[in-house]
């Protein structure tokens, strides 16, 4: 276990990679663009960032990012590891983010920079709770002991009133769904006020649970200001709800921490906006680094996209993100949330999802894959369960479908 904060980057520079690495280390710790009289050897020893590793990987014919004073010509790419003493920030997630992902992206020596991963001293484990529920707590509340939680999203995303939303949830509950969530666009608008929606939906969920013994887990989107989120959380809890949802990039680390330390329910952490942080191949974040902040801060479920998704992310990146959530962060605190697969999912993707993930600890959320099934939502839910059952048993989906008509219809409808 590291005794210093460490961060891995992919660096691109039109100049010397060694000089660029030193510039980043100085800018993000005790130095600046000129020599400072107060930056004594003793202070540098105590507080300066260090270049721990620098490996040149090749060159590219032009820079990835524009710059005010950069010359043309080839740019060098390298893998870079920096480290900082824990004493610079202490166990403080917002200021850690400012350290490892602050002004370094803007430096003139940098024509590309991506934060790939971080490693933290054990002191952070004592300061932050990590998930309160994670995989085991979510399974217990949802009543799903093994296999994935089969889930969906209320659609249309926006436009339904509280009563119409409850009617959709009733149909899904009767179809045997495990998990439903608000779309991230649905929060507390005048056409579907949060309190009205929670009361209408929980009435349906509680009545269904009284009849069947199964309580559907619904993630209500309570994204807002900190006091609003806490009040909304309390309403969900009082009415018997078992999950809340928040848009991470909208509320920020401090807002999320203000909720997670208050919360008595699993928090479904939505990553909407992830593209502006990650889509540039030489700018921003890779998922393993970004997700560690939210894992420590208390996210119980984290979105990772899905195979064959409707977005731009390639399958390899999706699965690398999902697997990274199971990497332990500390010896005694793994901080493992439940990954959430979504975006264009159906009964087609489970075999490869399970093969690459190596486990079924996930929420598998399909919208059209359930609601647009040729034989209705109930068959849509069954088709997803059957696809996962086949994958876990090691039986080809096409073979399993011969005795499972819901799966057979889904494969015919959704196969590309």
Protein backbone atom coordinates (compact mmCIF):
# COMPACT_ATOMS: atom_id res chain seq x y z
CA UNK A 1 0.00 0.00 0.00
CA UNK A 2 1.32 3.38 -0.97
CA UNK A 3 2.25 5.90 1.73
CA UNK A 4 1.86 8.78 -0.74
CA UNK A 5 -0.91 9.84 -3.07
CA UNK A 6 -0.12 8.49 -6.55
CA UNK A 7 -1.68 9.29 -9.91
CA UNK A 8 -1.06 7.78 -13.35
CA UNK A 9 -1.42 9.84 -16.53
CA UNK A 10 -0.99 9.60 -20.25
CA UNK A 11 1.01 12.71 -21.21
CA UNK A 12 1.52 14.34 -24.58
CA UNK A 13 3.91 17.25 -25.05
CA UNK A 14 5.54 19.08 -27.97
CA UNK A 15 8.67 19.54 -25.89
CA UNK A 16 10.71 17.50 -23.45
CA UNK A 17 8.55 14.98 -21.55
CA UNK A 18 10.91 15.29 -18.59
CA UNK A 19 10.40 19.06 -18.51
CA UNK A 20 6.65 18.70 -18.89
CA UNK A 21 6.49 16.17 -16.05
CA UNK A 22 8.47 18.46 -13.76
CA UNK A 23 6.24 21.41 -14.70
CA UNK A 24 3.13 19.44 -13.78
CA UNK A 25 4.66 18.30 -10.49
CA UNK A 26 5.65 21.86 -9.60
CA UNK A 27 2.33 23.42 -10.60
CA UNK A 28 0.38 20.88 -8.57
CA UNK A 29 2.45 21.22 -5.40
CA UNK A 30 5.01 23.71 -4.12
CA UNK A 31 6.36 25.24 -7.35
CA UNK A 32 5.27 27.65 -10.06
CA UNK A 33 6.65 29.09 -13.32
CA UNK A 34 9.60 30.84 -11.61
CA UNK A 35 11.99 29.94 -8.79
CA UNK A 36 10.53 30.98 -5.45
CA UNK A 37 12.73 32.21 -2.61
CA UNK A 38 10.51 30.45 -0.08
CA UNK A 39 10.70 27.07 -1.81
CA UNK A 40 13.59 25.79 0.27
CA UNK A 41 15.03 22.30 -0.03
CA UNK A 42 13.32 21.48 3.26
CA UNK A 43 9.94 22.65 1.96
CA UNK A 44 10.38 20.70 -1.28
CA UNK A 45 11.27 17.59 0.65
CA UNK A 46 8.13 18.00 2.75
CA UNK A 47 5.61 19.11 0.13
CA UNK A 48 6.75 18.81 -3.48
CA UNK A 49 5.23 16.35 -5.89
CA UNK A 50 7.63 13.76 -7.29
CA UNK A 51 7.93 12.23 -10.72
CA UNK A 52 7.89 8.53 -9.83
CA UNK A 53 7.90 7.11 -13.36
CA UNK A 54 8.09 8.42 -16.91
CA UNK A 55 8.03 6.05 -19.88
CA UNK A 56 8.02 7.40 -23.43
CA UNK A 57 5.62 5.39 -25.59
CA UNK A 58 5.92 7.10 -28.99
CA UNK A 59 5.29 10.22 -31.03
CA UNK A 60 2.37 11.70 -32.95
CA UNK A 61 2.62 14.16 -35.88
CA UNK A 62 0.44 16.86 -34.35
CA UNK A 63 -0.74 17.97 -30.95
CA UNK A 64 -4.10 16.79 -29.63
CA UNK A 65 -5.00 20.05 -27.87
CA UNK A 66 -4.53 23.65 -28.98
CA UNK A 67 -2.05 25.83 -27.17
CA UNK A 68 -1.11 29.49 -27.11
CA UNK A 69 2.63 29.14 -27.51
CA UNK A 70 3.22 25.67 -28.91
CA UNK A 71 5.30 25.12 -32.01
CA UNK A 72 4.25 22.66 -34.70
CA UNK A 73 5.86 19.30 -35.27
CA UNK A 74 5.86 15.95 -33.56
CA UNK A 75 4.63 15.51 -30.00
CA UNK A 76 5.91 12.91 -27.57
CA UNK A 77 3.59 10.68 -25.60
CA UNK A 78 4.51 9.05 -22.31
CA UNK A 79 3.10 7.28 -19.28
CA UNK A 80 3.62 9.39 -16.19
CA UNK A 81 3.23 8.65 -12.48
CA UNK A 82 3.33 11.49 -9.96
CA UNK A 83 3.12 11.29 -6.20
CA UNK A 84 2.33 13.74 -3.41
CA UNK A 85 2.76 13.54 0.35
CA UNK A 86 -0.52 12.97 2.17
CA UNK A 87 0.30 16.03 4.27
CA UNK A 88 -0.44 18.34 1.34
CA UNK A 89 -4.19 17.74 1.48
CA UNK A 90 -4.87 15.29 4.27
CA UNK A 91 -7.73 12.83 3.63
CA UNK A 92 -9.84 15.39 1.75
CA UNK A 93 -11.56 14.27 -1.47
CA UNK A 94 -12.45 17.71 -2.93
CA UNK A 95 -8.90 18.98 -2.47
CA UNK A 96 -7.46 15.69 -3.67
CA UNK A 97 -9.39 16.28 -6.90
CA UNK A 98 -7.88 19.77 -7.17
CA UNK A 99 -4.43 18.23 -6.75
CA UNK A 100 -4.57 15.34 -9.22
CA UNK A 101 -6.99 16.91 -11.72
CA UNK A 102 -6.58 20.67 -11.41
CA UNK A 103 -4.56 23.22 -13.42
CA UNK A 104 -2.28 20.56 -14.90
CA UNK A 105 -4.58 20.13 -17.92
CA UNK A 106 -4.03 23.77 -18.89
CA UNK A 107 -0.24 23.97 -18.70
CA UNK A 108 1.52 25.27 -21.80
CA UNK A 109 3.89 22.29 -21.85
CA UNK A 110 0.93 19.92 -22.20
CA UNK A 111 -0.68 19.09 -25.55
CA UNK A 112 -2.62 16.16 -24.09
CA UNK A 113 -3.16 14.74 -20.63
CA UNK A 114 -5.47 12.05 -19.27
CA UNK A 115 -5.76 10.93 -15.65
CA UNK A 116 -5.88 7.12 -15.71
CA UNK A 117 -5.81 5.91 -12.11
CA UNK A 118 -5.07 6.91 -8.53
CA UNK A 119 -3.77 5.09 -5.45
CA UNK A 120 -4.32 6.44 -1.96
CA UNK A 121 -2.80 5.90 1.49
CA UNK A 122 -4.84 4.04 4.08
CA UNK A 123 -5.62 7.35 5.82
CA UNK A 124 -8.34 8.00 3.27
CA UNK A 125 -10.12 4.78 4.25
CA UNK A 126 -10.67 6.02 7.78
CA UNK A 127 -11.98 9.42 6.68
CA UNK A 128 -14.58 8.35 4.11
CA UNK A 129 -17.37 5.80 4.53
CA UNK A 130 -17.44 4.13 1.14
CA UNK A 131 -20.72 2.44 0.16
CA UNK A 132 -23.06 1.82 3.06
CA UNK A 133 -24.93 -0.88 1.15
CA UNK A 134 -23.01 -1.84 -1.98
CA UNK A 135 -23.73 -5.25 -3.45
CA UNK A 136 -24.84 -7.21 -0.34
CA UNK A 137 -27.10 -4.46 1.01
CA UNK A 138 -28.68 -3.87 -2.37
CA UNK A 139 -29.36 -7.58 -2.81
CA UNK A 140 -30.97 -7.81 0.62
CA UNK A 141 -33.28 -4.81 0.07
CA UNK A 142 -34.24 -5.93 -3.44
CA UNK A 143 -34.76 -9.55 -2.41
CA UNK A 144 -32.42 -10.84 -5.12
CA UNK A 145 -29.95 -13.28 -3.61
CA UNK A 146 -28.05 -14.13 -6.80
CA UNK A 147 -27.94 -13.24 -10.46
CA UNK A 148 -28.34 -9.68 -11.69
CA UNK A 149 -31.05 -7.27 -10.63
CA UNK A 150 -33.21 -6.89 -13.74
CA UNK A 151 -34.07 -3.22 -14.06
CA UNK A 152 -35.43 -0.49 -16.26
CA UNK A 153 -35.94 3.26 -16.53
CA UNK A 154 -39.25 5.08 -16.57
CA UNK A 155 -39.92 6.13 -20.15
CA UNK A 156 -40.79 8.57 -21.62
CA UNK A 157 -37.92 10.18 -19.74
CA UNK A 158 -39.88 13.36 -19.10
CA UNK A 159 -43.49 14.37 -19.63
CA UNK A 160 -45.41 11.87 -17.50
CA UNK A 161 -47.21 13.19 -14.43
CA UNK A 162 -47.09 11.44 -11.06
CA UNK A 163 -50.12 9.24 -11.72
CA UNK A 164 -48.88 8.18 -15.15
CA UNK A 165 -45.46 7.37 -13.69
CA UNK A 166 -47.11 5.20 -11.03
CA UNK A 167 -49.10 3.38 -13.72
CA UNK A 168 -45.87 2.52 -15.56
CA UNK A 169 -44.33 1.27 -12.31
CA UNK A 170 -47.39 -0.88 -11.58
CA UNK A 171 -47.10 -2.52 -15.00
CA UNK A 172 -43.40 -3.17 -14.41
CA UNK A 173 -43.97 -4.54 -10.89
CA UNK A 174 -46.59 -6.94 -12.22
CA UNK A 175 -44.08 -7.97 -14.90
CA UNK A 176 -41.67 -9.08 -12.18
CA UNK A 177 -39.09 -6.30 -12.37
CA UNK A 178 -36.48 -5.99 -9.59
CA UNK A 179 -35.38 -2.39 -10.05
CA UNK A 180 -36.79 0.78 -11.63
CA UNK A 181 -35.29 4.25 -11.71
CA UNK A 182 -36.27 7.75 -12.63
CA UNK A 183 -34.64 9.08 -15.74
CA UNK A 184 -31.96 11.62 -14.80
CA UNK A 185 -34.03 14.34 -16.52
CA UNK A 186 -36.96 13.78 -14.14
CA UNK A 187 -36.41 15.47 -10.79
CA UNK A 188 -38.90 18.02 -9.38
CA UNK A 189 -40.52 19.76 -12.33
CA UNK A 190 -43.98 21.34 -12.08
CA UNK A 191 -45.52 18.65 -14.32
CA UNK A 192 -44.32 15.86 -12.03
CA UNK A 193 -43.40 17.22 -8.60
CA UNK A 194 -41.04 15.05 -6.60
CA UNK A 195 -43.33 14.60 -3.60
CA UNK A 196 -46.34 13.75 -5.74
CA UNK A 197 -44.32 11.21 -7.71
CA UNK A 198 -42.87 9.53 -4.62
CA UNK A 199 -46.28 9.21 -2.97
CA UNK A 200 -47.93 7.82 -6.11
CA UNK A 201 -45.13 5.38 -6.93
CA UNK A 202 -44.66 4.14 -3.37
CA UNK A 203 -48.39 3.53 -3.04
CA UNK A 204 -48.15 1.16 -6.01
CA UNK A 205 -44.92 -0.48 -4.80
CA UNK A 206 -46.18 -0.98 -1.25
CA UNK A 207 -49.50 -2.45 -2.42
CA UNK A 208 -47.65 -4.82 -4.73
CA UNK A 209 -45.30 -5.84 -1.90
CA UNK A 210 -48.26 -6.49 0.41
CA UNK A 211 -49.79 -8.83 -2.19
CA UNK A 212 -46.66 -10.62 -3.38
CA UNK A 213 -44.00 -10.19 -0.70
CA UNK A 214 -41.63 -8.60 -3.24
CA UNK A 215 -40.80 -4.91 -2.94
CA UNK A 216 -39.54 -3.38 -6.16
CA UNK A 217 -36.51 -1.15 -5.62
CA UNK A 218 -37.16 2.29 -7.14
CA UNK A 219 -34.37 4.88 -7.38
CA UNK A 220 -36.00 8.30 -7.05
CA UNK A 221 -33.96 11.11 -8.58
CA UNK A 222 -33.50 13.61 -5.78
CA UNK A 223 -30.72 15.65 -7.45
CA UNK A 224 -30.81 19.22 -6.17
CA UNK A 225 -29.26 21.45 -3.55
CA UNK A 226 -28.00 19.70 -0.41
CA UNK A 227 -30.92 20.59 1.86
CA UNK A 228 -33.39 19.65 -0.88
CA UNK A 229 -31.72 16.27 -1.40
CA UNK A 230 -31.81 15.50 2.31
CA UNK A 231 -35.50 16.41 2.58
CA UNK A 232 -36.32 14.33 -0.49
CA UNK A 233 -34.33 11.39 0.89
CA UNK A 234 -36.27 11.57 4.15
CA UNK A 235 -39.60 11.49 2.32
CA UNK A 236 -38.57 8.41 0.34
CA UNK A 237 -37.42 6.66 3.52
CA UNK A 238 -40.60 7.56 5.43
CA UNK A 239 -42.81 6.17 2.66
CA UNK A 240 -40.93 2.87 2.58
CA UNK A 241 -38.64 3.48 -0.39
CA UNK A 242 -35.41 1.54 -0.67
CA UNK A 243 -33.22 3.63 -3.02
CA UNK A 244 -32.43 7.18 -4.12
CA UNK A 245 -30.58 8.47 -7.15
CA UNK A 246 -28.30 11.45 -7.74
CA UNK A 247 -26.53 12.91 -10.78
CA UNK A 248 -22.88 13.02 -9.69
CA UNK A 249 -21.59 15.67 -12.05
CA UNK A 250 -24.50 17.97 -11.24
CA UNK A 251 -24.07 17.99 -7.46
CA UNK A 252 -20.28 17.63 -7.22
CA UNK A 253 -18.25 15.91 -4.54
CA UNK A 254 -19.27 18.16 -1.67
CA UNK A 255 -22.94 17.93 -2.58
CA UNK A 256 -22.73 14.16 -2.87
CA UNK A 257 -20.93 13.87 0.46
CA UNK A 258 -23.60 16.05 2.06
CA UNK A 259 -26.17 13.50 0.92
CA UNK A 260 -24.25 10.27 1.45
CA UNK A 261 -23.37 11.06 5.07
CA UNK A 262 -27.06 11.72 5.72
CA UNK A 263 -28.47 8.84 3.71
CA UNK A 264 -29.99 5.69 5.19
CA UNK A 265 -30.76 4.26 1.73
CA UNK A 266 -28.61 2.96 -1.13
CA UNK A 267 -27.50 5.75 -3.47
CA UNK A 268 -27.75 5.07 -7.18
CA UNK A 269 -24.99 7.23 -8.66
CA UNK A 270 -25.67 8.39 -12.22
CA UNK A 271 -22.74 9.52 -14.34
CA UNK A 272 -24.64 11.67 -16.89
CA UNK A 273 -22.16 14.15 -18.34
CA UNK A 274 -19.42 11.52 -18.35
CA UNK A 275 -18.73 12.19 -22.03
CA UNK A 276 -17.42 15.70 -21.47
CA UNK A 277 -14.92 14.33 -18.94
CA UNK A 278 -13.78 11.33 -20.93
CA UNK A 279 -14.53 11.38 -24.63
CA UNK A 280 -11.41 13.26 -25.68
CA UNK A 281 -8.75 10.57 -26.10
CA UNK A 282 -6.03 12.87 -24.75
CA UNK A 283 -7.94 14.98 -22.24
CA UNK A 284 -9.78 14.34 -18.99
CA UNK A 285 -10.38 11.16 -17.03
CA UNK A 286 -10.39 7.41 -17.36
CA UNK A 287 -13.13 5.68 -15.38
CA UNK A 288 -10.93 3.89 -12.78
CA UNK A 289 -9.59 7.22 -11.51
CA UNK A 290 -12.90 9.09 -11.59
CA UNK A 291 -14.96 6.32 -10.01
CA UNK A 292 -12.65 5.99 -7.01
CA UNK A 293 -13.67 9.43 -5.76
CA UNK A 294 -17.36 8.48 -5.80
CA UNK A 295 -16.74 5.00 -4.40
CA UNK A 296 -15.00 6.52 -1.40
CA UNK A 297 -17.71 9.17 -1.07
CA UNK A 298 -20.41 6.51 -0.69
CA UNK A 299 -21.86 5.53 -4.08
CA UNK A 300 -23.69 2.19 -3.82
CA UNK A 301 -24.45 1.74 -7.56
CA UNK A 302 -22.38 3.19 -10.41
CA UNK A 303 -23.22 3.36 -14.11
CA UNK A 304 -20.74 1.84 -16.56
CA UNK A 305 -22.74 1.97 -19.84
CA UNK A 306 -23.34 -1.37 -21.64
CA UNK A 307 -22.12 -3.55 -24.47
CA UNK A 308 -23.39 -2.55 -27.89
CA UNK A 309 -24.61 0.71 -26.38
CA UNK A 310 -26.23 3.68 -28.12
CA UNK A 311 -23.39 6.00 -27.15
CA UNK A 312 -19.84 6.37 -28.49
CA UNK A 313 -18.02 4.27 -25.89
CA UNK A 314 -16.42 1.07 -27.21
CA UNK A 315 -17.18 -2.27 -25.55
CA UNK A 316 -13.63 -2.69 -24.26
CA UNK A 317 -13.90 0.56 -22.31
CA UNK A 318 -17.30 -0.43 -20.86
CA UNK A 319 -16.00 -3.71 -19.48
CA UNK A 320 -12.75 -2.20 -18.23
CA UNK A 321 -14.83 0.33 -16.30
CA UNK A 322 -17.11 -2.36 -14.85
CA UNK A 323 -14.24 -4.61 -13.78
CA UNK A 324 -12.42 -1.69 -12.18
CA UNK A 325 -15.23 -1.27 -9.64
CA UNK A 326 -14.28 -4.61 -8.08
CA UNK A 327 -10.64 -3.63 -7.60
CA UNK A 328 -10.09 -3.20 -3.84
CA UNK A 329 -9.04 0.31 -2.87
CA UNK A 330 -7.68 -0.53 0.58
CA UNK A 331 -6.71 -3.68 2.41
CA UNK A 332 -9.68 -3.65 4.79
CA UNK A 333 -12.11 -1.50 2.78
CA UNK A 334 -12.71 -2.59 -0.80
CA UNK A 335 -15.33 0.17 -1.40
CA UNK A 336 -17.09 -1.94 -4.02
CA UNK A 337 -20.35 -0.57 -5.48
CA UNK A 338 -22.70 -2.49 -7.76
CA UNK A 339 -22.08 -1.76 -11.46
CA UNK A 340 -25.08 -0.69 -13.53
CA UNK A 341 -25.25 -1.75 -17.18
CA UNK A 342 -27.63 0.27 -19.32
CA UNK A 343 -28.04 1.98 -22.71
CA UNK A 344 -29.52 -0.07 -25.52
CA UNK A 345 -29.49 -3.33 -23.54
CA UNK A 346 -31.68 -6.34 -24.32
CA UNK A 347 -31.52 -10.14 -24.07
CA UNK A 348 -28.74 -10.10 -26.67
CA UNK A 349 -25.85 -8.78 -24.53
CA UNK A 350 -25.96 -10.86 -21.28
CA UNK A 351 -23.81 -13.80 -22.51
CA UNK A 352 -20.87 -11.58 -23.43
CA UNK A 353 -21.43 -9.27 -20.46
CA UNK A 354 -21.23 -12.21 -18.05
CA UNK A 355 -18.27 -13.76 -19.87
CA UNK A 356 -16.22 -10.59 -19.64
CA UNK A 357 -17.34 -9.51 -16.17
CA UNK A 358 -16.94 -12.99 -14.71
CA UNK A 359 -19.80 -12.50 -12.26
CA UNK A 360 -23.46 -11.51 -12.10
CA UNK A 361 -23.20 -8.84 -9.41
CA UNK A 362 -24.81 -6.00 -11.33
CA UNK A 363 -27.97 -4.10 -12.13
CA UNK A 364 -28.90 -4.85 -15.73
CA UNK A 365 -31.21 -2.07 -16.91
CA UNK A 366 -33.08 -2.25 -20.21
CA UNK A 367 -35.73 0.19 -21.40
CA UNK A 368 -36.80 -0.84 -24.89
CA UNK A 369 -35.41 -4.31 -24.19
CA UNK A 370 -38.31 -4.74 -21.76
CA UNK A 371 -41.05 -2.36 -22.82
CA UNK A 372 -40.78 -3.09 -26.56
CA UNK A 373 -40.68 -6.88 -26.29
CA UNK A 374 -43.10 -8.33 -28.88
CA UNK A 375 -45.08 -10.11 -26.16
CA UNK A 376 -45.15 -7.24 -23.65
CA UNK A 377 -43.15 -6.08 -20.61
CA UNK A 378 -43.63 -9.30 -18.66
CA UNK A 379 -42.03 -11.28 -21.46
CA UNK A 380 -39.34 -8.61 -21.68
CA UNK A 381 -38.39 -9.14 -18.04
CA UNK A 382 -38.48 -12.93 -18.47
CA UNK A 383 -36.30 -12.75 -21.55
CA UNK A 384 -33.59 -10.90 -19.64
CA UNK A 385 -33.69 -13.36 -16.75
CA UNK A 386 -33.54 -16.27 -19.18
CA UNK A 387 -30.61 -14.72 -21.04
CA UNK A 388 -28.69 -14.34 -17.79
CA UNK A 389 -29.67 -17.82 -16.57
CA UNK A 390 -28.31 -19.27 -19.81
CA UNK A 391 -25.11 -17.24 -19.57
CA UNK A 392 -24.45 -18.28 -15.96
CA UNK A 393 -25.15 -21.93 -16.81
CA UNK A 394 -22.80 -21.76 -19.80
CA UNK A 395 -25.57 -22.64 -22.27
CA UNK A 396 -25.70 -20.76 -25.60
CA UNK A 397 -28.63 -18.36 -25.64
CA UNK A 398 -29.96 -19.81 -28.90
CA UNK A 399 -30.02 -23.31 -27.37
CA UNK A 400 -31.71 -22.10 -24.18
CA UNK A 401 -34.25 -20.17 -26.24
CA UNK A 402 -35.64 -23.40 -27.75
CA UNK A 403 -37.47 -24.05 -24.47
CA UNK A 404 -37.94 -20.40 -23.43
CA UNK A 405 -40.24 -18.50 -25.80
CA UNK A 406 -39.72 -15.08 -24.21
CA UNK A 407 -35.99 -15.32 -24.85
CA UNK A 408 -36.54 -16.68 -28.36
CA UNK A 409 -38.77 -13.72 -29.25
CA UNK A 410 -36.29 -11.24 -27.79
CA UNK A 411 -33.34 -12.67 -29.71
CA UNK A 412 -35.35 -12.47 -32.91
CA UNK A 413 -36.47 -8.90 -32.19
CA UNK A 414 -33.21 -7.39 -30.96
CA UNK A 415 -30.41 -9.31 -32.71
CA UNK A 416 -28.57 -6.98 -35.11
